[in-house]
């Protein structure tokens, strides 16, 4: 009963009108009966107006609509089931068309053919991202931003094994428990976005648990470049991780 701006738009609708001349007015009703809950429905303006068509919405239809709606929420288990849906089906990702802004911000100096190849590969990646729950995508974005922030420290390792960051670093930076971090890393693994790995410290001769970000087939670690782009272009990482608005990379 709220619009996109959060304004309450509910209107009180009488099944049988409160006053003579109104829709479905019943002269045999008392004023008490007219304002009783059984004769009232809460509707948005659009549907309130639609039901003014008394031929299409006679009293019996209005009472049935009211009854059916109340039955849907008369039991807690039904109300819970009403909220169960695959929210990723509501995602409408914005794909890239030219990558010219990213090319300029990151100073890639790629030509049209190279950009076309990168664009096609990224758009295939975006299609897969639309299947991933938003919490997993936001975690991916947060890890990429943290890697970019501490790139020159021992918390990050980049090489043939891909780019990794210590779980101990993420634990403090993201304020997540070790268990939660491993769970999130396993979710990344399930969608081919990353996995649990190790960083070997030569000084201590110890391998410490880390999270590795997955690369695309070409070897492009796109989320690292997205993190760099966000810093240099003053864009929020959630624009990509949560909103899937990759059109921001275009010129």
C-alpha atoms as a PDB file:
ATOM      1  CA  UNK A   1       0.000   0.000   0.000  1.00  0.00           C
ATOM      2  CA  UNK A   2       2.989   2.285  -0.556  1.00  0.00           C
ATOM      3  CA  UNK A   3       4.343   3.721  -3.784  1.00  0.00           C
ATOM      4  CA  UNK A   4       7.994   3.691  -4.881  1.00  0.00           C
ATOM      5  CA  UNK A   5       8.683   6.821  -2.816  1.00  0.00           C
ATOM      6  CA  UNK A   6       7.353   5.213   0.358  1.00  0.00           C
ATOM      7  CA  UNK A   7       4.142   7.255   0.503  1.00  0.00           C
ATOM      8  CA  UNK A   8       1.108   5.444   1.920  1.00  0.00           C
ATOM      9  CA  UNK A   9      -1.494   5.348  -0.859  1.00  0.00           C
ATOM     10  CA  UNK A  10      -4.230   3.257   0.772  1.00  0.00           C
ATOM     11  CA  UNK A  11      -7.796   4.525   0.543  1.00  0.00           C
ATOM     12  CA  UNK A  12     -10.831   3.377   2.483  1.00  0.00           C
ATOM     13  CA  UNK A  13     -13.349   1.846   0.125  1.00  0.00           C
ATOM     14  CA  UNK A  14     -16.963   1.061   1.025  1.00  0.00           C
ATOM     15  CA  UNK A  15     -18.366  -2.095  -0.512  1.00  0.00           C
ATOM     16  CA  UNK A  16     -21.867  -0.630  -0.151  1.00  0.00           C
ATOM     17  CA  UNK A  17     -21.602   3.149  -0.296  1.00  0.00           C
ATOM     18  CA  UNK A  18     -21.624   5.318   2.830  1.00  0.00           C
ATOM     19  CA  UNK A  19     -24.061   7.817   1.308  1.00  0.00           C
ATOM     20  CA  UNK A  20     -26.937   7.831  -1.114  1.00  0.00           C
ATOM     21  CA  UNK A  21     -25.723   8.230  -4.693  1.00  0.00           C
ATOM     22  CA  UNK A  22     -22.529   6.284  -4.051  1.00  0.00           C
ATOM     23  CA  UNK A  23     -21.622   3.019  -5.695  1.00  0.00           C
ATOM     24  CA  UNK A  24     -23.634   0.014  -4.474  1.00  0.00           C
ATOM     25  CA  UNK A  25     -25.591   2.123  -1.931  1.00  0.00           C
ATOM     26  CA  UNK A  26     -27.983   0.013   0.128  1.00  0.00           C
ATOM     27  CA  UNK A  27     -30.825   2.010   1.667  1.00  0.00           C
ATOM     28  CA  UNK A  28     -31.682  -0.885   3.969  1.00  0.00           C
ATOM     29  CA  UNK A  29     -28.332  -0.630   5.797  1.00  0.00           C
ATOM     30  CA  UNK A  30     -27.868   1.400   8.952  1.00  0.00           C
ATOM     31  CA  UNK A  31     -24.996   3.867   9.327  1.00  0.00           C
ATOM     32  CA  UNK A  32     -23.385   1.472  11.815  1.00  0.00           C
ATOM     33  CA  UNK A  33     -23.464  -1.308   9.209  1.00  0.00           C
ATOM     34  CA  UNK A  34     -22.063   0.985   6.529  1.00  0.00           C
ATOM     35  CA  UNK A  35     -18.981   1.857   8.617  1.00  0.00           C
ATOM     36  CA  UNK A  36     -18.498  -1.656   9.972  1.00  0.00           C
ATOM     37  CA  UNK A  37     -15.225  -3.419   9.060  1.00  0.00           C
ATOM     38  CA  UNK A  38     -17.182  -6.010   7.100  1.00  0.00           C
ATOM     39  CA  UNK A  39     -18.239  -3.274   4.647  1.00  0.00           C
ATOM     40  CA  UNK A  40     -14.785  -1.709   4.276  1.00  0.00           C
ATOM     41  CA  UNK A  41     -11.757  -2.493   2.108  1.00  0.00           C
ATOM     42  CA  UNK A  42      -8.361  -0.783   1.972  1.00  0.00           C
ATOM     43  CA  UNK A  43      -7.369  -0.215  -1.636  1.00  0.00           C
ATOM     44  CA  UNK A  44      -4.926   1.857  -3.656  1.00  0.00           C
ATOM     45  CA  UNK A  45      -6.359   4.745  -5.700  1.00  0.00           C
ATOM     46  CA  UNK A  46      -6.148   2.865  -8.997  1.00  0.00           C
ATOM     47  CA  UNK A  47      -8.125  -0.149  -7.830  1.00  0.00           C
ATOM     48  CA  UNK A  48     -10.484   1.999  -5.785  1.00  0.00           C
ATOM     49  CA  UNK A  49     -11.404   3.814  -9.008  1.00  0.00           C
ATOM     50  CA  UNK A  50     -11.666   0.585 -11.009  1.00  0.00           C
ATOM     51  CA  UNK A  51     -14.215  -0.857  -8.580  1.00  0.00           C
ATOM     52  CA  UNK A  52     -16.527   2.108  -9.169  1.00  0.00           C
ATOM     53  CA  UNK A  53     -17.754   0.034 -12.118  1.00  0.00           C
ATOM     54  CA  UNK A  54     -20.738  -1.474 -10.291  1.00  0.00           C
ATOM     55  CA  UNK A  55     -21.647  -3.733 -13.215  1.00  0.00           C
ATOM     56  CA  UNK A  56     -18.261  -5.435 -13.157  1.00  0.00           C
ATOM     57  CA  UNK A  57     -17.888  -5.138  -9.380  1.00  0.00           C
ATOM     58  CA  UNK A  58     -21.276  -5.731  -7.734  1.00  0.00           C
ATOM     59  CA  UNK A  59     -21.556  -6.310  -3.969  1.00  0.00           C
ATOM     60  CA  UNK A  60     -21.031 -10.076  -4.165  1.00  0.00           C
ATOM     61  CA  UNK A  61     -17.807  -9.670  -6.177  1.00  0.00           C
ATOM     62  CA  UNK A  62     -16.456  -7.059  -3.766  1.00  0.00           C
ATOM     63  CA  UNK A  63     -17.192  -9.272  -0.766  1.00  0.00           C
ATOM     64  CA  UNK A  64     -15.493 -12.208  -2.478  1.00  0.00           C
ATOM     65  CA  UNK A  65     -12.377 -10.107  -3.213  1.00  0.00           C
ATOM     66  CA  UNK A  66     -12.255  -9.007   0.417  1.00  0.00           C
ATOM     67  CA  UNK A  67     -12.741 -12.557   1.720  1.00  0.00           C
ATOM     68  CA  UNK A  68     -10.169 -14.108  -0.610  1.00  0.00           C
ATOM     69  CA  UNK A  69      -7.552 -11.508   0.240  1.00  0.00           C
ATOM     70  CA  UNK A  70      -8.075 -11.869   3.989  1.00  0.00           C
ATOM     71  CA  UNK A  71      -7.835 -15.658   3.728  1.00  0.00           C
ATOM     72  CA  UNK A  72      -4.416 -15.348   2.097  1.00  0.00           C
ATOM     73  CA  UNK A  73      -3.070 -13.709   5.247  1.00  0.00           C
ATOM     74  CA  UNK A  74      -5.246 -15.263   7.933  1.00  0.00           C
ATOM     75  CA  UNK A  75      -2.535 -17.823   8.845  1.00  0.00           C
ATOM     76  CA  UNK A  76       1.118 -16.996   9.566  1.00  0.00           C
ATOM     77  CA  UNK A  77       2.339 -19.889   7.406  1.00  0.00           C
ATOM     78  CA  UNK A  78       0.375 -18.600   4.414  1.00  0.00           C
ATOM     79  CA  UNK A  79       1.674 -15.086   4.954  1.00  0.00           C
ATOM     80  CA  UNK A  80       5.238 -16.430   4.965  1.00  0.00           C
ATOM     81  CA  UNK A  81       4.688 -18.425   1.794  1.00  0.00           C
ATOM     82  CA  UNK A  82       3.288 -15.307   0.154  1.00  0.00           C
ATOM     83  CA  UNK A  83       6.732 -13.742   0.508  1.00  0.00           C
ATOM     84  CA  UNK A  84       8.626 -16.690  -0.958  1.00  0.00           C
ATOM     85  CA  UNK A  85       9.750 -15.972  -4.485  1.00  0.00           C
ATOM     86  CA  UNK A  86      12.923 -16.089  -6.514  1.00  0.00           C
ATOM     87  CA  UNK A  87      13.914 -12.423  -6.288  1.00  0.00           C
ATOM     88  CA  UNK A  88      16.611 -12.875  -8.943  1.00  0.00           C
ATOM     89  CA  UNK A  89      13.775 -13.140 -11.489  1.00  0.00           C
ATOM     90  CA  UNK A  90      13.076  -9.467 -10.821  1.00  0.00           C
ATOM     91  CA  UNK A  91      16.634  -8.466 -11.750  1.00  0.00           C
ATOM     92  CA  UNK A  92      17.000  -6.581 -15.004  1.00  0.00           C
ATOM     93  CA  UNK A  93      20.747  -6.183 -15.589  1.00  0.00           C
ATOM     94  CA  UNK A  94      22.002  -3.396 -17.832  1.00  0.00           C
ATOM     95  CA  UNK A  95      24.666  -4.816 -20.116  1.00  0.00           C
ATOM     96  CA  UNK A  96      27.561  -2.942 -21.683  1.00  0.00           C
ATOM     97  CA  UNK A  97      27.457  -1.514 -25.195  1.00  0.00           C
ATOM     98  CA  UNK A  98      30.973  -0.180 -25.790  1.00  0.00           C
ATOM     99  CA  UNK A  99      33.096  -0.087 -22.555  1.00  0.00           C
ATOM    100  CA  UNK A 100      34.525   3.253 -23.697  1.00  0.00           C
ATOM    101  CA  UNK A 101      34.309   4.904 -20.282  1.00  0.00           C
ATOM    102  CA  UNK A 102      36.072   1.994 -18.577  1.00  0.00           C
ATOM    103  CA  UNK A 103      38.707   2.035 -21.330  1.00  0.00           C
ATOM    104  CA  UNK A 104      39.320   5.728 -20.682  1.00  0.00           C
ATOM    105  CA  UNK A 105      39.214   5.664 -16.864  1.00  0.00           C
ATOM    106  CA  UNK A 106      41.579   2.689 -16.561  1.00  0.00           C
ATOM    107  CA  UNK A 107      43.744   3.911 -19.457  1.00  0.00           C
ATOM    108  CA  UNK A 108      43.545   0.568 -21.245  1.00  0.00           C
ATOM    109  CA  UNK A 109      44.124   2.098 -24.678  1.00  0.00           C
ATOM    110  CA  UNK A 110      42.241  -0.773 -26.274  1.00  0.00           C
ATOM    111  CA  UNK A 111      41.073  -0.556 -29.875  1.00  0.00           C
ATOM    112  CA  UNK A 112      37.533  -1.193 -31.108  1.00  0.00           C
ATOM    113  CA  UNK A 113      38.145  -4.907 -31.753  1.00  0.00           C
ATOM    114  CA  UNK A 114      39.670  -5.484 -28.317  1.00  0.00           C
ATOM    115  CA  UNK A 115      36.849  -3.605 -26.624  1.00  0.00           C
ATOM    116  CA  UNK A 116      34.299  -5.661 -28.543  1.00  0.00           C
ATOM    117  CA  UNK A 117      35.862  -8.896 -27.292  1.00  0.00           C
ATOM    118  CA  UNK A 118      35.956  -7.602 -23.705  1.00  0.00           C
ATOM    119  CA  UNK A 119      32.379  -6.365 -23.988  1.00  0.00           C
ATOM    120  CA  UNK A 120      31.073  -9.721 -25.245  1.00  0.00           C
ATOM    121  CA  UNK A 121      32.888 -11.612 -22.510  1.00  0.00           C
ATOM    122  CA  UNK A 122      31.624  -9.253 -19.809  1.00  0.00           C
ATOM    123  CA  UNK A 123      28.032  -9.472 -21.051  1.00  0.00           C
ATOM    124  CA  UNK A 124      28.167 -13.271 -20.821  1.00  0.00           C
ATOM    125  CA  UNK A 125      29.387 -12.842 -17.249  1.00  0.00           C
ATOM    126  CA  UNK A 126      26.534 -10.419 -16.496  1.00  0.00           C
ATOM    127  CA  UNK A 127      23.980 -12.997 -17.690  1.00  0.00           C
ATOM    128  CA  UNK A 128      25.334 -15.432 -15.101  1.00  0.00           C
ATOM    129  CA  UNK A 129      25.419 -12.754 -12.386  1.00  0.00           C
ATOM    130  CA  UNK A 130      21.674 -12.203 -12.797  1.00  0.00           C
ATOM    131  CA  UNK A 131      21.150 -15.725 -11.404  1.00  0.00           C
ATOM    132  CA  UNK A 132      23.195 -15.023  -8.267  1.00  0.00           C
ATOM    133  CA  UNK A 133      21.498 -13.802  -5.045  1.00  0.00           C
ATOM    134  CA  UNK A 134      22.217 -10.169  -4.276  1.00  0.00           C
ATOM    135  CA  UNK A 135      23.921 -10.979  -0.939  1.00  0.00           C
ATOM    136  CA  UNK A 136      26.504 -13.103  -2.737  1.00  0.00           C
ATOM    137  CA  UNK A 137      27.107 -10.405  -5.355  1.00  0.00           C
ATOM    138  CA  UNK A 138      27.535  -7.710  -2.720  1.00  0.00           C
ATOM    139  CA  UNK A 139      30.049  -9.855  -0.886  1.00  0.00           C
ATOM    140  CA  UNK A 140      31.950 -10.321  -4.147  1.00  0.00           C
ATOM    141  CA  UNK A 141      32.029  -6.576  -4.649  1.00  0.00           C
ATOM    142  CA  UNK A 142      33.202  -5.946  -1.080  1.00  0.00           C
ATOM    143  CA  UNK A 143      36.050  -8.469  -1.456  1.00  0.00           C
ATOM    144  CA  UNK A 144      37.157  -6.857  -4.719  1.00  0.00           C
ATOM    145  CA  UNK A 145      37.159  -3.400  -3.133  1.00  0.00           C
ATOM    146  CA  UNK A 146      39.165  -4.659  -0.160  1.00  0.00           C
ATOM    147  CA  UNK A 147      41.738  -6.292  -2.450  1.00  0.00           C
ATOM    148  CA  UNK A 148      42.131  -3.025  -4.337  1.00  0.00           C
ATOM    149  CA  UNK A 149      42.550  -1.126  -1.063  1.00  0.00           C
ATOM    150  CA  UNK A 150      45.284  -3.358   0.382  1.00  0.00           C
ATOM    151  CA  UNK A 151      46.858  -4.414  -2.921  1.00  0.00           C
ATOM    152  CA  UNK A 152      50.409  -3.559  -1.852  1.00  0.00           C
ATOM    153  CA  UNK A 153      50.276  -5.435   1.460  1.00  0.00           C
ATOM    154  CA  UNK A 154      50.971  -9.023   2.431  1.00  0.00           C
ATOM    155  CA  UNK A 155      47.236  -9.635   2.732  1.00  0.00           C
ATOM    156  CA  UNK A 156      46.984  -9.966  -1.051  1.00  0.00           C
ATOM    157  CA  UNK A 157      48.690 -12.371  -3.417  1.00  0.00           C
ATOM    158  CA  UNK A 158      48.451 -12.129  -7.193  1.00  0.00           C
ATOM    159  CA  UNK A 159      50.046 -14.450  -9.708  1.00  0.00           C
ATOM    160  CA  UNK A 160      49.472 -17.584 -11.742  1.00  0.00           C
ATOM    161  CA  UNK A 161      47.113 -18.861  -9.065  1.00  0.00           C
ATOM    162  CA  UNK A 162      44.900 -15.805  -9.442  1.00  0.00           C
ATOM    163  CA  UNK A 163      44.319 -12.967  -6.999  1.00  0.00           C
ATOM    164  CA  UNK A 164      43.750 -13.922  -3.365  1.00  0.00           C
ATOM    165  CA  UNK A 165      43.180 -12.132  -0.072  1.00  0.00           C
ATOM    166  CA  UNK A 166      43.629 -13.495   3.435  1.00  0.00           C
ATOM    167  CA  UNK A 167      40.445 -14.482   5.222  1.00  0.00           C
ATOM    168  CA  UNK A 168      41.956 -13.060   8.399  1.00  0.00           C
ATOM    169  CA  UNK A 169      42.117  -9.635   6.710  1.00  0.00           C
ATOM    170  CA  UNK A 170      38.513  -9.833   5.519  1.00  0.00           C
ATOM    171  CA  UNK A 171      37.421 -10.932   8.983  1.00  0.00           C
ATOM    172  CA  UNK A 172      38.600  -7.659  10.478  1.00  0.00           C
ATOM    173  CA  UNK A 173      37.765  -5.402   7.530  1.00  0.00           C
ATOM    174  CA  UNK A 174      34.252  -6.684   6.837  1.00  0.00           C
ATOM    175  CA  UNK A 175      33.510  -7.591  10.465  1.00  0.00           C
ATOM    176  CA  UNK A 176      32.353 -11.070   9.575  1.00  0.00           C
ATOM    177  CA  UNK A 177      33.073 -14.234  11.491  1.00  0.00           C
ATOM    178  CA  UNK A 178      35.451 -16.780  10.005  1.00  0.00           C
ATOM    179  CA  UNK A 179      32.552 -19.177   9.621  1.00  0.00           C
ATOM    180  CA  UNK A 180      30.500 -16.586   7.732  1.00  0.00           C
ATOM    181  CA  UNK A 181      33.439 -15.847   5.437  1.00  0.00           C
ATOM    182  CA  UNK A 182      33.905 -19.517   4.594  1.00  0.00           C
ATOM    183  CA  UNK A 183      30.176 -19.830   3.914  1.00  0.00           C
ATOM    184  CA  UNK A 184      30.262 -16.833   1.594  1.00  0.00           C
ATOM    185  CA  UNK A 185      33.366 -18.185  -0.140  1.00  0.00           C
ATOM    186  CA  UNK A 186      31.596 -21.487  -0.736  1.00  0.00           C
ATOM    187  CA  UNK A 187      28.677 -19.569  -2.250  1.00  0.00           C
ATOM    188  CA  UNK A 188      31.095 -17.790  -4.584  1.00  0.00           C
ATOM    189  CA  UNK A 189      32.461 -21.193  -5.546  1.00  0.00           C
ATOM    190  CA  UNK A 190      28.972 -22.523  -6.293  1.00  0.00           C
ATOM    191  CA  UNK A 191      28.454 -19.764  -8.863  1.00  0.00           C
ATOM    192  CA  UNK A 192      31.979 -19.872 -10.281  1.00  0.00           C
ATOM    193  CA  UNK A 193      32.857 -16.448  -8.869  1.00  0.00           C
ATOM    194  CA  UNK A 194      35.613 -17.430  -6.447  1.00  0.00           C
ATOM    195  CA  UNK A 195      36.687 -20.048  -3.939  1.00  0.00           C
ATOM    196  CA  UNK A 196      38.623 -20.806  -0.772  1.00  0.00           C
ATOM    197  CA  UNK A 197      42.362 -20.964  -1.409  1.00  0.00           C
ATOM    198  CA  UNK A 198      45.613 -20.369   0.464  1.00  0.00           C
ATOM    199  CA  UNK A 199      48.358 -17.784   0.602  1.00  0.00           C
ATOM    200  CA  UNK A 200      51.763 -19.257   1.407  1.00  0.00           C
ATOM    201  CA  UNK A 201      53.945 -17.059   3.575  1.00  0.00           C
ATOM    202  CA  UNK A 202      57.612 -17.721   2.901  1.00  0.00           C
ATOM    203  CA  UNK A 203      58.691 -15.931   6.077  1.00  0.00           C
ATOM    204  CA  UNK A 204      56.705 -18.199   8.377  1.00  0.00           C
ATOM    205  CA  UNK A 205      56.494 -21.218   6.059  1.00  0.00           C
ATOM    206  CA  UNK A 206      52.750 -21.319   6.720  1.00  0.00           C
ATOM    207  CA  UNK A 207      49.827 -21.514   4.298  1.00  0.00           C
ATOM    208  CA  UNK A 208      46.953 -19.339   5.482  1.00  0.00           C
ATOM    209  CA  UNK A 209      43.336 -19.550   4.242  1.00  0.00           C
ATOM    210  CA  UNK A 210      42.341 -17.008   1.633  1.00  0.00           C
ATOM    211  CA  UNK A 211      39.584 -16.216  -0.835  1.00  0.00           C
ATOM    212  CA  UNK A 212      40.490 -16.239  -4.509  1.00  0.00           C
ATOM    213  CA  UNK A 213      38.466 -14.309  -7.070  1.00  0.00           C
ATOM    214  CA  UNK A 214      37.645 -16.199 -10.244  1.00  0.00           C
ATOM    215  CA  UNK A 215      38.834 -14.953 -13.600  1.00  0.00           C
ATOM    216  CA  UNK A 216      36.910 -15.010 -16.856  1.00  0.00           C
ATOM    217  CA  UNK A 217      37.974 -17.483 -19.557  1.00  0.00           C
ATOM    218  CA  UNK A 218      40.362 -14.955 -21.065  1.00  0.00           C
ATOM    219  CA  UNK A 219      42.107 -14.576 -17.707  1.00  0.00           C
ATOM    220  CA  UNK A 220      40.462 -11.206 -17.029  1.00  0.00           C
ATOM    221  CA  UNK A 221      39.783 -10.676 -13.323  1.00  0.00           C
ATOM    222  CA  UNK A 222      36.940  -8.338 -14.111  1.00  0.00           C
ATOM    223  CA  UNK A 223      35.981  -7.581 -10.501  1.00  0.00           C
ATOM    224  CA  UNK A 224      39.423  -6.199  -9.738  1.00  0.00           C
ATOM    225  CA  UNK A 225      39.098  -3.838 -12.684  1.00  0.00           C
ATOM    226  CA  UNK A 226      35.599  -2.916 -11.532  1.00  0.00           C
ATOM    227  CA  UNK A 227      36.991  -2.041  -8.108  1.00  0.00           C
ATOM    228  CA  UNK A 228      39.711   0.131  -9.691  1.00  0.00           C
ATOM    229  CA  UNK A 229      37.114   1.782 -11.902  1.00  0.00           C
ATOM    230  CA  UNK A 230      34.896   2.574  -8.909  1.00  0.00           C
ATOM    231  CA  UNK A 231      37.744   4.265  -7.056  1.00  0.00           C
ATOM    232  CA  UNK A 232      38.925   6.298 -10.023  1.00  0.00           C
ATOM    233  CA  UNK A 233      35.477   7.204 -11.378  1.00  0.00           C
ATOM    234  CA  UNK A 234      33.844   7.740  -7.951  1.00  0.00           C
ATOM    235  CA  UNK A 235      31.235   5.074  -8.592  1.00  0.00           C
ATOM    236  CA  UNK A 236      29.757   2.817  -5.874  1.00  0.00           C
ATOM    237  CA  UNK A 237      30.602  -0.857  -6.248  1.00  0.00           C
ATOM    238  CA  UNK A 238      26.967  -1.668  -5.429  1.00  0.00           C
ATOM    239  CA  UNK A 239      25.983  -0.095  -8.749  1.00  0.00           C
ATOM    240  CA  UNK A 240      27.492  -3.218 -10.307  1.00  0.00           C
ATOM    241  CA  UNK A 241      27.258  -5.829  -7.540  1.00  0.00           C
ATOM    242  CA  UNK A 242      23.715  -5.045  -6.389  1.00  0.00           C
ATOM    243  CA  UNK A 243      22.063  -3.065  -9.205  1.00  0.00           C
ATOM    244  CA  UNK A 244      23.818  -4.832 -12.096  1.00  0.00           C
ATOM    245  CA  UNK A 245      24.071  -1.463 -13.870  1.00  0.00           C
ATOM    246  CA  UNK A 246      27.026  -2.128 -16.139  1.00  0.00           C
ATOM    247  CA  UNK A 247      25.913   0.610 -18.516  1.00  0.00           C
ATOM    248  CA  UNK A 248      28.011   2.936 -16.331  1.00  0.00           C
ATOM    249  CA  UNK A 249      31.083   1.493 -18.050  1.00  0.00           C
ATOM    250  CA  UNK A 250      30.015   2.868 -21.438  1.00  0.00           C
ATOM    251  CA  UNK A 251      30.991   6.168 -22.987  1.00  0.00           C
END
